Amino acid sequence: MWFVEVMPRNPSAAMLSVAFDGDDLLNFVVGNIWFEVFPVESAEDLAQAADIARAVFEGRVEESGFRREDAFGRILLDDGPMGVGRIHVPWPWKARPSMRRYGPYSVQAAAQR
């Protein structure tokens, strides 16, 4: 597998890790949320991965769950939220337990939003 891990300097930002299995699967860890994106069969399929990374860098990630094993959330992509993680409970988002919103990698990016 090939791995890329990005550790932000801003302590309120989410860590981003992406692993490619060499075939057609991307594994993501964003903050405490783990999820997969597949199939990745061409360079065009990587556009979604770039959109996910951009949203993480800009602080557009919300997470819920009490433990890492239960973490779930949403990544606010330009074309709408993407629900990710281990557990998807059909509660309204604001009613979910232990909600956290991650900050941007750059304070300048936050000021420009």
C-alpha atoms as a PDB file:
ATOM      1  CA  MET A   1       0.000   0.000   0.000  1.00  0.00           C
ATOM      2  CA  TRP A   2       0.995   3.616  -0.571  1.00  0.00           C
ATOM      3  CA  PHE A   3       0.339   6.053   2.285  1.00  0.00           C
ATOM      4  CA  VAL A   4       0.120   9.821   2.596  1.00  0.00           C
ATOM      5  CA  GLU A   5      -0.368  11.375   6.015  1.00  0.00           C
ATOM      6  CA  VAL A   6      -0.833  15.080   6.656  1.00  0.00           C
ATOM      7  CA  MET A   7      -0.518  16.392  10.208  1.00  0.00           C
ATOM      8  CA  PRO A   8      -1.785  19.967  10.574  1.00  0.00           C
ATOM      9  CA  ARG A   9      -0.041  22.576  12.690  1.00  0.00           C
ATOM     10  CA  ASN A  10      -3.411  23.968  13.780  1.00  0.00           C
ATOM     11  CA  PRO A  11      -4.431  21.782  16.765  1.00  0.00           C
ATOM     12  CA  SER A  12      -8.130  22.190  15.926  1.00  0.00           C
ATOM     13  CA  ALA A  13      -7.692  20.803  12.381  1.00  0.00           C
ATOM     14  CA  ALA A  14      -8.262  17.153  11.434  1.00  0.00           C
ATOM     15  CA  MET A  15      -5.363  14.879  10.562  1.00  0.00           C
ATOM     16  CA  LEU A  16      -5.686  13.390   7.046  1.00  0.00           C
ATOM     17  CA  SER A  17      -4.342  10.003   6.021  1.00  0.00           C
ATOM     18  CA  VAL A  18      -4.903   8.343   2.633  1.00  0.00           C
ATOM     19  CA  ALA A  19      -3.782   4.841   1.676  1.00  0.00           C
ATOM     20  CA  PHE A  20      -3.993   3.275  -1.793  1.00  0.00           C
ATOM     21  CA  ASP A  21      -4.053  -0.516  -1.952  1.00  0.00           C
ATOM     22  CA  GLY A  22      -2.414  -0.627  -5.396  1.00  0.00           C
ATOM     23  CA  ASP A  23      -5.606  -1.922  -6.992  1.00  0.00           C
ATOM     24  CA  ASP A  24      -8.802   0.162  -6.744  1.00  0.00           C
ATOM     25  CA  LEU A  25      -9.330   1.178  -3.103  1.00  0.00           C
ATOM     26  CA  LEU A  26      -8.527   4.365  -1.171  1.00  0.00           C
ATOM     27  CA  ASN A  27      -8.647   4.219   2.642  1.00  0.00           C
ATOM     28  CA  PHE A  28      -9.138   7.559   4.397  1.00  0.00           C
ATOM     29  CA  VAL A  29      -8.730   8.595   8.010  1.00  0.00           C
ATOM     30  CA  VAL A  30      -9.990  12.114   8.715  1.00  0.00           C
ATOM     31  CA  GLY A  31      -9.723  13.039  12.384  1.00  0.00           C
ATOM     32  CA  ASN A  32     -11.221   9.957  14.036  1.00  0.00           C
ATOM     33  CA  ILE A  33     -13.295   8.890  11.024  1.00  0.00           C
ATOM     34  CA  TRP A  34     -12.246   5.929   8.854  1.00  0.00           C
ATOM     35  CA  PHE A  35     -13.844   5.247   5.461  1.00  0.00           C
ATOM     36  CA  GLU A  36     -13.130   3.805   2.012  1.00  0.00           C
ATOM     37  CA  VAL A  37     -13.623   5.188  -1.493  1.00  0.00           C
ATOM     38  CA  PHE A  38     -13.781   2.702  -4.373  1.00  0.00           C
ATOM     39  CA  PRO A  39     -13.466   1.782  -7.141  1.00  0.00           C
ATOM     40  CA  VAL A  40     -10.599   4.019  -8.222  1.00  0.00           C
ATOM     41  CA  GLU A  41      -9.865   2.958 -11.777  1.00  0.00           C
ATOM     42  CA  SER A  42      -8.554   6.113 -13.464  1.00  0.00           C
ATOM     43  CA  ALA A  43      -7.050   9.510 -12.763  1.00  0.00           C
ATOM     44  CA  GLU A  44     -10.529  11.050 -13.136  1.00  0.00           C
ATOM     45  CA  ASP A  45     -11.716   8.939 -10.191  1.00  0.00           C
ATOM     46  CA  LEU A  46      -9.211  10.779  -8.001  1.00  0.00           C
ATOM     47  CA  ALA A  47     -11.207  14.014  -8.313  1.00  0.00           C
ATOM     48  CA  GLN A  48     -13.363  12.976  -5.353  1.00  0.00           C
ATOM     49  CA  ALA A  49     -10.234  12.315  -3.271  1.00  0.00           C
ATOM     50  CA  ALA A  50      -8.985  15.823  -4.131  1.00  0.00           C
ATOM     51  CA  ASP A  51     -12.378  17.290  -3.127  1.00  0.00           C
ATOM     52  CA  ILE A  52     -12.225  15.423   0.205  1.00  0.00           C
ATOM     53  CA  ALA A  53      -8.677  16.660   0.893  1.00  0.00           C
ATOM     54  CA  ARG A  54      -9.633  20.251   0.022  1.00  0.00           C
ATOM     55  CA  ALA A  55     -12.609  20.120   2.418  1.00  0.00           C
ATOM     56  CA  VAL A  56     -10.406  18.736   5.220  1.00  0.00           C
ATOM     57  CA  PHE A  57      -7.770  21.432   4.635  1.00  0.00           C
ATOM     58  CA  GLU A  58     -10.495  24.106   4.756  1.00  0.00           C
ATOM     59  CA  GLY A  59     -12.017  22.753   7.982  1.00  0.00           C
ATOM     60  CA  ARG A  60     -15.260  21.493   6.469  1.00  0.00           C
ATOM     61  CA  VAL A  61     -15.469  18.322   8.580  1.00  0.00           C
ATOM     62  CA  GLU A  62     -17.986  17.532  11.323  1.00  0.00           C
ATOM     63  CA  GLU A  63     -17.608  14.466  13.523  1.00  0.00           C
ATOM     64  CA  SER A  64     -19.726  12.722  16.100  1.00  0.00           C
ATOM     65  CA  GLY A  65     -19.328   9.679  18.312  1.00  0.00           C
ATOM     66  CA  PHE A  66     -17.944   9.052  21.756  1.00  0.00           C
ATOM     67  CA  ARG A  67     -15.007   6.822  20.760  1.00  0.00           C
ATOM     68  CA  ARG A  68     -12.740   6.455  17.736  1.00  0.00           C
ATOM     69  CA  GLU A  69     -14.347   3.072  17.011  1.00  0.00           C
ATOM     70  CA  ASP A  70     -17.776   4.737  16.747  1.00  0.00           C
ATOM     71  CA  ALA A  71     -16.761   7.920  14.931  1.00  0.00           C
ATOM     72  CA  PHE A  72     -18.929   9.033  12.073  1.00  0.00           C
ATOM     73  CA  GLY A  73     -19.377  12.354  10.422  1.00  0.00           C
ATOM     74  CA  ARG A  74     -19.792  14.359   7.318  1.00  0.00           C
ATOM     75  CA  ILE A  75     -17.411  16.104   5.015  1.00  0.00           C
ATOM     76  CA  LEU A  76     -18.919  19.236   3.522  1.00  0.00           C
ATOM     77  CA  LEU A  77     -17.953  18.987  -0.155  1.00  0.00           C
ATOM     78  CA  ASP A  78     -18.751  21.746  -2.649  1.00  0.00           C
ATOM     79  CA  ASP A  79     -21.609  19.704  -4.105  1.00  0.00           C
ATOM     80  CA  GLY A  80     -23.112  18.644  -0.743  1.00  0.00           C
ATOM     81  CA  PRO A  81     -22.297  16.754   2.463  1.00  0.00           C
ATOM     82  CA  MET A  82     -20.755  13.297   2.300  1.00  0.00           C
ATOM     83  CA  GLY A  83     -21.693  11.024   5.221  1.00  0.00           C
ATOM     84  CA  VAL A  84     -18.765   8.846   6.294  1.00  0.00           C
ATOM     85  CA  GLY A  85     -17.652   6.601   9.117  1.00  0.00           C
ATOM     86  CA  ARG A  86     -18.639   3.521  10.993  1.00  0.00           C
ATOM     87  CA  ILE A  87     -22.150   4.250  12.213  1.00  0.00           C
ATOM     88  CA  HIS A  88     -24.860   6.144  10.388  1.00  0.00           C
ATOM     89  CA  VAL A  89     -27.687   6.943  12.774  1.00  0.00           C
ATOM     90  CA  PRO A  90     -30.781   8.557  11.203  1.00  0.00           C
ATOM     91  CA  TRP A  91     -30.903  11.378  13.776  1.00  0.00           C
ATOM     92  CA  PRO A  92     -30.957  15.021  12.736  1.00  0.00           C
ATOM     93  CA  TRP A  93     -27.323  16.137  12.631  1.00  0.00           C
ATOM     94  CA  LYS A  94     -27.666  18.699  15.441  1.00  0.00           C
ATOM     95  CA  ALA A  95     -29.115  16.043  17.797  1.00  0.00           C
ATOM     96  CA  ARG A  96     -26.117  13.718  17.489  1.00  0.00           C
ATOM     97  CA  PRO A  97     -23.952  13.086  20.568  1.00  0.00           C
ATOM     98  CA  SER A  98     -20.517  14.621  21.059  1.00  0.00           C
ATOM     99  CA  MET A  99     -20.426  16.751  17.900  1.00  0.00           C
ATOM    100  CA  ARG A 100     -17.125  18.312  16.862  1.00  0.00           C
ATOM    101  CA  ARG A 101     -16.284  20.630  13.974  1.00  0.00           C
ATOM    102  CA  TYR A 102     -12.663  20.642  12.878  1.00  0.00           C
ATOM    103  CA  GLY A 103     -10.807  23.835  12.037  1.00  0.00           C
ATOM    104  CA  PRO A 104      -8.907  24.688   8.841  1.00  0.00           C
ATOM    105  CA  TYR A 105      -5.236  23.926   8.310  1.00  0.00           C
ATOM    106  CA  SER A 106      -4.546  27.607   7.730  1.00  0.00           C
ATOM    107  CA  VAL A 107      -5.880  30.491   9.782  1.00  0.00           C
ATOM    108  CA  GLN A 108      -5.691  32.610   6.593  1.00  0.00           C
ATOM    109  CA  ALA A 109      -8.019  30.154   4.811  1.00  0.00           C
ATOM    110  CA  ALA A 110     -10.543  30.530   7.632  1.00  0.00           C
ATOM    111  CA  ALA A 111     -10.417  34.316   7.372  1.00  0.00           C
ATOM    112  CA  GLN A 112     -11.060  34.163   3.606  1.00  0.00           C
ATOM    113  CA  ARG A 113     -14.171  31.945   3.928  1.00  0.00           C
END
